[in-house]
N, C-alpha and C. Protein backbone atom coordinates (compact mmCIF):
# COMPACT_ATOMS: atom_id res chain seq x y z
N MET A 1 11.44 -16.23 -16.25
CA MET A 1 10.80 -14.94 -16.11
C MET A 1 11.32 -14.02 -17.21
N THR A 2 10.42 -13.37 -17.88
CA THR A 2 10.83 -12.41 -18.90
C THR A 2 10.44 -11.02 -18.44
N GLY A 3 11.35 -10.10 -18.62
CA GLY A 3 11.10 -8.72 -18.21
C GLY A 3 11.86 -8.36 -16.96
N ASP A 4 11.86 -7.08 -16.67
CA ASP A 4 12.54 -6.53 -15.50
C ASP A 4 11.77 -6.93 -14.24
N PRO A 5 12.42 -7.64 -13.29
CA PRO A 5 11.70 -8.06 -12.09
C PRO A 5 11.16 -6.90 -11.26
N LEU A 6 11.83 -5.75 -11.28
CA LEU A 6 11.32 -4.61 -10.53
C LEU A 6 10.00 -4.11 -11.13
N LYS A 7 9.94 -4.07 -12.45
CA LYS A 7 8.70 -3.62 -13.10
C LYS A 7 7.59 -4.66 -12.93
N LEU A 8 7.95 -5.95 -13.01
CA LEU A 8 6.96 -7.01 -12.82
C LEU A 8 6.39 -6.96 -11.40
N PHE A 9 7.28 -6.80 -10.42
CA PHE A 9 6.81 -6.71 -9.04
C PHE A 9 5.92 -5.48 -8.86
N GLY A 10 6.34 -4.36 -9.43
CA GLY A 10 5.55 -3.14 -9.31
C GLY A 10 4.17 -3.27 -9.92
N ARG A 11 4.10 -3.88 -11.09
CA ARG A 11 2.80 -4.10 -11.74
C ARG A 11 1.92 -5.01 -10.89
N HIS A 12 2.55 -6.05 -10.33
CA HIS A 12 1.80 -6.99 -9.50
C HIS A 12 1.30 -6.32 -8.22
N LEU A 13 2.15 -5.51 -7.58
CA LEU A 13 1.73 -4.78 -6.39
C LEU A 13 0.57 -3.85 -6.70
N THR A 14 0.65 -3.15 -7.81
CA THR A 14 -0.44 -2.26 -8.23
C THR A 14 -1.73 -3.06 -8.37
N TRP A 15 -1.64 -4.22 -9.02
CA TRP A 15 -2.83 -5.06 -9.24
C TRP A 15 -3.41 -5.51 -7.91
N LEU A 16 -2.55 -5.98 -6.99
CA LEU A 16 -3.04 -6.43 -5.68
C LEU A 16 -3.69 -5.28 -4.91
N ARG A 17 -3.08 -4.10 -4.97
CA ARG A 17 -3.64 -2.93 -4.28
C ARG A 17 -5.01 -2.58 -4.84
N LYS A 18 -5.12 -2.59 -6.15
CA LYS A 18 -6.40 -2.23 -6.78
C LYS A 18 -7.47 -3.29 -6.55
N GLN A 19 -7.06 -4.56 -6.34
CA GLN A 19 -8.03 -5.60 -6.00
C GLN A 19 -8.76 -5.25 -4.71
N ARG A 20 -8.09 -4.57 -3.82
CA ARG A 20 -8.68 -4.12 -2.56
C ARG A 20 -9.45 -2.82 -2.72
N GLY A 21 -9.25 -2.13 -3.84
CA GLY A 21 -9.89 -0.84 -4.02
C GLY A 21 -9.18 0.27 -3.27
N TRP A 22 -7.89 0.09 -3.00
CA TRP A 22 -7.12 1.06 -2.23
C TRP A 22 -6.30 1.96 -3.13
N SER A 23 -6.13 3.20 -2.70
CA SER A 23 -5.19 4.13 -3.33
C SER A 23 -3.80 3.85 -2.76
N GLN A 24 -2.78 4.46 -3.37
CA GLN A 24 -1.44 4.34 -2.81
C GLN A 24 -1.40 4.95 -1.41
N GLU A 25 -2.12 6.02 -1.21
CA GLU A 25 -2.15 6.68 0.09
C GLU A 25 -2.74 5.75 1.15
N ALA A 26 -3.82 5.05 0.81
CA ALA A 26 -4.43 4.12 1.76
C ALA A 26 -3.46 2.98 2.09
N LEU A 27 -2.80 2.43 1.08
CA LEU A 27 -1.82 1.36 1.31
C LEU A 27 -0.67 1.89 2.16
N SER A 28 -0.26 3.11 1.92
CA SER A 28 0.81 3.72 2.70
C SER A 28 0.43 3.82 4.16
N LEU A 29 -0.75 4.32 4.43
CA LEU A 29 -1.19 4.49 5.82
C LEU A 29 -1.39 3.15 6.52
N GLU A 30 -1.89 2.16 5.79
CA GLU A 30 -2.11 0.84 6.39
C GLU A 30 -0.79 0.09 6.64
N SER A 31 0.16 0.24 5.73
CA SER A 31 1.42 -0.53 5.81
C SER A 31 2.50 0.17 6.61
N GLY A 32 2.42 1.50 6.70
CA GLY A 32 3.47 2.26 7.36
C GLY A 32 4.64 2.60 6.44
N LEU A 33 4.51 2.29 5.15
CA LEU A 33 5.55 2.63 4.17
C LEU A 33 5.18 3.95 3.50
N ALA A 34 6.16 4.75 3.18
CA ALA A 34 5.91 6.06 2.58
C ALA A 34 5.24 5.91 1.22
N ARG A 35 4.30 6.80 0.93
CA ARG A 35 3.59 6.77 -0.34
C ARG A 35 4.55 6.94 -1.51
N SER A 36 5.56 7.80 -1.35
CA SER A 36 6.53 8.01 -2.42
C SER A 36 7.35 6.74 -2.68
N TYR A 37 7.65 6.00 -1.61
CA TYR A 37 8.37 4.72 -1.75
C TYR A 37 7.50 3.71 -2.50
N LEU A 38 6.21 3.62 -2.12
CA LEU A 38 5.29 2.71 -2.81
C LEU A 38 5.14 3.08 -4.27
N SER A 39 5.09 4.37 -4.55
CA SER A 39 4.99 4.83 -5.93
C SER A 39 6.20 4.37 -6.74
N GLY A 40 7.39 4.50 -6.15
CA GLY A 40 8.61 4.05 -6.82
C GLY A 40 8.63 2.56 -7.05
N ILE A 41 8.12 1.79 -6.08
CA ILE A 41 8.03 0.34 -6.25
C ILE A 41 7.09 0.01 -7.40
N GLU A 42 5.92 0.64 -7.41
CA GLU A 42 4.93 0.35 -8.45
C GLU A 42 5.42 0.76 -9.84
N ARG A 43 6.26 1.78 -9.92
CA ARG A 43 6.81 2.19 -11.22
C ARG A 43 8.00 1.32 -11.63
N GLY A 44 8.49 0.49 -10.70
CA GLY A 44 9.62 -0.37 -11.00
C GLY A 44 10.95 0.34 -10.91
N THR A 45 11.01 1.43 -10.15
CA THR A 45 12.27 2.18 -10.01
C THR A 45 12.92 1.98 -8.65
N ARG A 46 12.24 1.30 -7.72
CA ARG A 46 12.79 1.06 -6.38
C ARG A 46 12.96 -0.44 -6.17
N ASN A 47 14.07 -0.82 -5.56
CA ASN A 47 14.32 -2.21 -5.20
C ASN A 47 13.76 -2.43 -3.80
N VAL A 48 12.76 -3.27 -3.67
CA VAL A 48 12.06 -3.45 -2.40
C VAL A 48 12.75 -4.52 -1.56
N ALA A 49 12.88 -4.24 -0.27
CA ALA A 49 13.51 -5.18 0.67
C ALA A 49 12.55 -6.31 1.03
N LEU A 50 13.11 -7.45 1.39
CA LEU A 50 12.31 -8.61 1.79
C LEU A 50 11.37 -8.27 2.94
N TYR A 51 11.87 -7.52 3.92
CA TYR A 51 11.04 -7.12 5.05
C TYR A 51 9.81 -6.35 4.57
N ASN A 52 10.00 -5.45 3.60
CA ASN A 52 8.88 -4.66 3.08
C ASN A 52 7.94 -5.50 2.24
N ILE A 53 8.46 -6.52 1.55
CA ILE A 53 7.58 -7.44 0.81
C ILE A 53 6.66 -8.15 1.81
N CYS A 54 7.21 -8.60 2.93
CA CYS A 54 6.40 -9.27 3.94
C CYS A 54 5.39 -8.31 4.57
N THR A 55 5.80 -7.06 4.80
CA THR A 55 4.88 -6.04 5.34
C THR A 55 3.73 -5.80 4.37
N LEU A 56 4.05 -5.67 3.09
CA LEU A 56 3.01 -5.44 2.08
C LEU A 56 2.07 -6.65 1.98
N ALA A 57 2.64 -7.85 2.02
CA ALA A 57 1.81 -9.06 1.96
C ALA A 57 0.83 -9.10 3.12
N ASP A 58 1.33 -8.83 4.33
CA ASP A 58 0.47 -8.82 5.51
C ASP A 58 -0.62 -7.76 5.39
N THR A 59 -0.25 -6.58 4.94
CA THR A 59 -1.21 -5.48 4.79
C THR A 59 -2.28 -5.81 3.76
N LEU A 60 -1.87 -6.44 2.66
CA LEU A 60 -2.80 -6.76 1.58
C LEU A 60 -3.56 -8.06 1.82
N GLY A 61 -3.18 -8.81 2.87
CA GLY A 61 -3.89 -10.04 3.20
C GLY A 61 -3.56 -11.20 2.28
N VAL A 62 -2.34 -11.25 1.79
CA VAL A 62 -1.91 -12.37 0.95
C VAL A 62 -0.67 -12.99 1.57
N ALA A 63 -0.37 -14.22 1.18
CA ALA A 63 0.84 -14.87 1.65
C ALA A 63 2.05 -14.22 0.98
N PRO A 64 3.19 -14.11 1.68
CA PRO A 64 4.37 -13.50 1.06
C PRO A 64 4.75 -14.09 -0.31
N PRO A 65 4.67 -15.42 -0.52
CA PRO A 65 5.01 -15.93 -1.86
C PRO A 65 4.11 -15.37 -2.97
N GLU A 66 2.88 -15.02 -2.63
CA GLU A 66 1.96 -14.44 -3.62
C GLU A 66 2.49 -13.13 -4.17
N MET A 67 3.28 -12.42 -3.36
CA MET A 67 3.84 -11.14 -3.80
C MET A 67 4.81 -11.32 -4.98
N LEU A 68 5.37 -12.52 -5.11
CA LEU A 68 6.34 -12.78 -6.18
C LEU A 68 5.74 -13.60 -7.32
N ASP A 69 4.46 -13.88 -7.25
CA ASP A 69 3.79 -14.65 -8.31
C ASP A 69 3.26 -13.67 -9.36
N PHE A 70 4.19 -13.14 -10.16
CA PHE A 70 3.88 -12.06 -11.09
C PHE A 70 2.83 -12.43 -12.14
N ALA A 71 2.83 -13.66 -12.60
CA ALA A 71 1.93 -14.05 -13.69
C ALA A 71 0.53 -14.39 -13.20
N ARG A 72 0.37 -14.59 -11.93
CA ARG A 72 -0.92 -15.06 -11.42
C ARG A 72 -2.08 -14.12 -11.75
N HIS A 73 -1.87 -12.82 -11.65
CA HIS A 73 -2.98 -11.90 -11.87
C HIS A 73 -3.44 -11.86 -13.33
N GLU A 74 -2.63 -12.40 -14.22
CA GLU A 74 -3.03 -12.42 -15.62
C GLU A 74 -4.01 -13.55 -15.90
N THR A 75 -4.05 -14.57 -15.02
CA THR A 75 -4.90 -15.73 -15.29
C THR A 75 -5.96 -15.98 -14.24
N ALA A 76 -5.81 -15.42 -13.04
CA ALA A 76 -6.77 -15.72 -11.98
C ALA A 76 -6.84 -14.57 -10.99
N VAL A 77 -7.83 -14.64 -10.14
CA VAL A 77 -7.98 -13.65 -9.08
C VAL A 77 -7.17 -14.13 -7.88
N ALA A 78 -6.40 -13.26 -7.30
CA ALA A 78 -5.59 -13.62 -6.14
C ALA A 78 -6.48 -13.89 -4.95
N ALA A 79 -6.01 -14.74 -4.06
CA ALA A 79 -6.74 -15.06 -2.84
C ALA A 79 -6.47 -13.97 -1.82
N VAL A 80 -7.24 -12.89 -1.87
CA VAL A 80 -7.08 -11.79 -0.93
C VAL A 80 -8.29 -11.76 -0.01
N GLU A 81 -8.10 -11.18 1.15
CA GLU A 81 -9.20 -11.00 2.08
C GLU A 81 -10.25 -10.10 1.44
N ALA A 82 -11.45 -10.15 1.97
CA ALA A 82 -12.50 -9.26 1.48
C ALA A 82 -12.04 -7.81 1.64
N PRO A 83 -12.32 -6.95 0.67
CA PRO A 83 -11.90 -5.56 0.78
C PRO A 83 -12.42 -4.92 2.06
N ARG A 84 -11.59 -4.10 2.65
CA ARG A 84 -12.00 -3.37 3.83
C ARG A 84 -11.60 -1.92 3.66
N SER A 85 -12.27 -1.10 4.37
CA SER A 85 -11.94 0.32 4.33
C SER A 85 -10.74 0.57 5.22
N PRO A 86 -9.79 1.40 4.77
CA PRO A 86 -8.70 1.74 5.68
C PRO A 86 -9.26 2.36 6.96
N PHE A 87 -8.61 2.11 8.07
CA PHE A 87 -8.97 2.66 9.38
C PHE A 87 -10.21 2.01 9.98
N HIS A 88 -10.84 1.09 9.32
CA HIS A 88 -12.03 0.40 9.83
C HIS A 88 -13.12 1.37 10.25
N ALA A 89 -13.29 2.43 9.50
CA ALA A 89 -14.31 3.43 9.84
C ALA A 89 -14.95 3.93 8.56
N GLU A 90 -15.81 3.09 7.97
CA GLU A 90 -16.38 3.41 6.67
C GLU A 90 -17.13 4.74 6.64
N THR A 91 -17.82 5.07 7.72
CA THR A 91 -18.66 6.26 7.68
C THR A 91 -18.20 7.36 8.62
N SER A 92 -17.04 7.24 9.18
CA SER A 92 -16.57 8.24 10.12
C SER A 92 -16.40 9.60 9.43
N PRO A 93 -17.12 10.62 9.88
CA PRO A 93 -16.97 11.95 9.28
C PRO A 93 -15.54 12.49 9.41
N ALA A 94 -14.88 12.15 10.51
CA ALA A 94 -13.51 12.63 10.71
C ALA A 94 -12.57 12.05 9.66
N VAL A 95 -12.72 10.76 9.38
CA VAL A 95 -11.87 10.11 8.38
C VAL A 95 -12.18 10.67 7.00
N GLN A 96 -13.45 10.86 6.68
CA GLN A 96 -13.83 11.41 5.38
C GLN A 96 -13.26 12.81 5.21
N ALA A 97 -13.35 13.64 6.23
CA ALA A 97 -12.82 15.00 6.14
C ALA A 97 -11.30 14.98 5.99
N THR A 98 -10.65 14.09 6.74
CA THR A 98 -9.19 13.99 6.64
C THR A 98 -8.77 13.60 5.23
N MET A 99 -9.45 12.64 4.64
CA MET A 99 -9.11 12.20 3.29
C MET A 99 -9.34 13.33 2.28
N ARG A 100 -10.39 14.12 2.47
CA ARG A 100 -10.63 15.27 1.58
C ARG A 100 -9.49 16.27 1.68
N TYR A 101 -9.07 16.58 2.91
CA TYR A 101 -7.97 17.53 3.10
C TYR A 101 -6.66 16.98 2.55
N MET A 102 -6.42 15.70 2.75
CA MET A 102 -5.19 15.07 2.25
C MET A 102 -5.12 15.16 0.73
N ALA A 103 -6.25 15.05 0.07
CA ALA A 103 -6.28 15.10 -1.39
C ALA A 103 -5.82 16.46 -1.93
N GLU A 104 -5.94 17.50 -1.11
CA GLU A 104 -5.57 18.85 -1.54
C GLU A 104 -4.08 19.15 -1.31
N LEU A 105 -3.37 18.27 -0.60
CA LEU A 105 -1.97 18.52 -0.28
C LEU A 105 -1.05 18.11 -1.42
N SER A 106 0.13 18.71 -1.44
CA SER A 106 1.16 18.30 -2.40
C SER A 106 1.73 16.97 -1.96
N ASP A 107 2.49 16.31 -2.85
CA ASP A 107 3.11 15.02 -2.51
C ASP A 107 4.00 15.16 -1.27
N PHE A 108 4.80 16.23 -1.23
CA PHE A 108 5.68 16.45 -0.09
C PHE A 108 4.88 16.59 1.20
N GLU A 109 3.82 17.39 1.16
CA GLU A 109 3.00 17.61 2.34
C GLU A 109 2.34 16.31 2.80
N ARG A 110 1.89 15.48 1.83
CA ARG A 110 1.29 14.18 2.19
C ARG A 110 2.31 13.28 2.87
N ASP A 111 3.55 13.28 2.36
CA ASP A 111 4.60 12.47 2.97
C ASP A 111 4.87 12.92 4.40
N VAL A 112 4.86 14.23 4.64
CA VAL A 112 5.08 14.75 5.99
C VAL A 112 3.95 14.30 6.91
N VAL A 113 2.71 14.45 6.47
CA VAL A 113 1.56 14.06 7.29
C VAL A 113 1.58 12.56 7.54
N ALA A 114 1.90 11.76 6.52
CA ALA A 114 1.96 10.31 6.69
C ALA A 114 3.06 9.93 7.68
N GLY A 115 4.19 10.63 7.64
CA GLY A 115 5.27 10.38 8.59
C GLY A 115 4.85 10.67 10.02
N VAL A 116 4.13 11.75 10.21
CA VAL A 116 3.63 12.10 11.54
C VAL A 116 2.63 11.03 12.01
N ALA A 117 1.74 10.61 11.12
CA ALA A 117 0.75 9.59 11.48
C ALA A 117 1.44 8.27 11.86
N ARG A 118 2.48 7.89 11.11
CA ARG A 118 3.21 6.66 11.45
C ARG A 118 3.90 6.80 12.80
N ALA A 119 4.48 7.96 13.07
CA ALA A 119 5.15 8.18 14.35
C ALA A 119 4.14 8.10 15.50
N LEU A 120 2.98 8.69 15.32
CA LEU A 120 1.95 8.62 16.36
C LEU A 120 1.44 7.20 16.56
N ALA A 121 1.32 6.44 15.48
CA ALA A 121 0.85 5.06 15.58
C ALA A 121 1.85 4.19 16.35
N ARG A 122 3.13 4.50 16.24
CA ARG A 122 4.16 3.72 16.93
C ARG A 122 4.34 4.16 18.39
N LYS A 123 3.83 5.32 18.73
CA LYS A 123 4.01 5.89 20.06
C LYS A 123 3.33 5.00 21.10
N GLN A 124 4.05 4.69 22.15
CA GLN A 124 3.51 3.84 23.23
C GLN A 124 2.66 4.69 24.16
N PRO A 125 1.48 4.20 24.55
CA PRO A 125 0.65 4.96 25.50
C PRO A 125 1.35 5.06 26.85
N ARG A 126 1.14 6.17 27.53
CA ARG A 126 1.77 6.39 28.83
C ARG A 126 0.97 5.76 29.92
């Protein structure tokens, strides 16, 4: 392997995410990982844990070993599931409005909202 593995992994993650047509925010909401953390991984400035590699693989619909196959995207298309819309609600007006409002927030505000959304998703029904 030639090059910094953190940068190679980050480039590969970016490529896999874009294959789905997802933004970092969409990947963040689907995976439960903070958008700022994903941004750091994609820039090659964060060292990603094995658990998070498996979480990202599951979210992106690829096998965990595919996450470490840095050269694959240069020669072939990865075996990913058909692209899907985050939240499984392509035409939901509520989701569209939420995404519009989220786009107007600062990075810090988006991280706060994403944290609240993750906490609510983990909350057990009474």
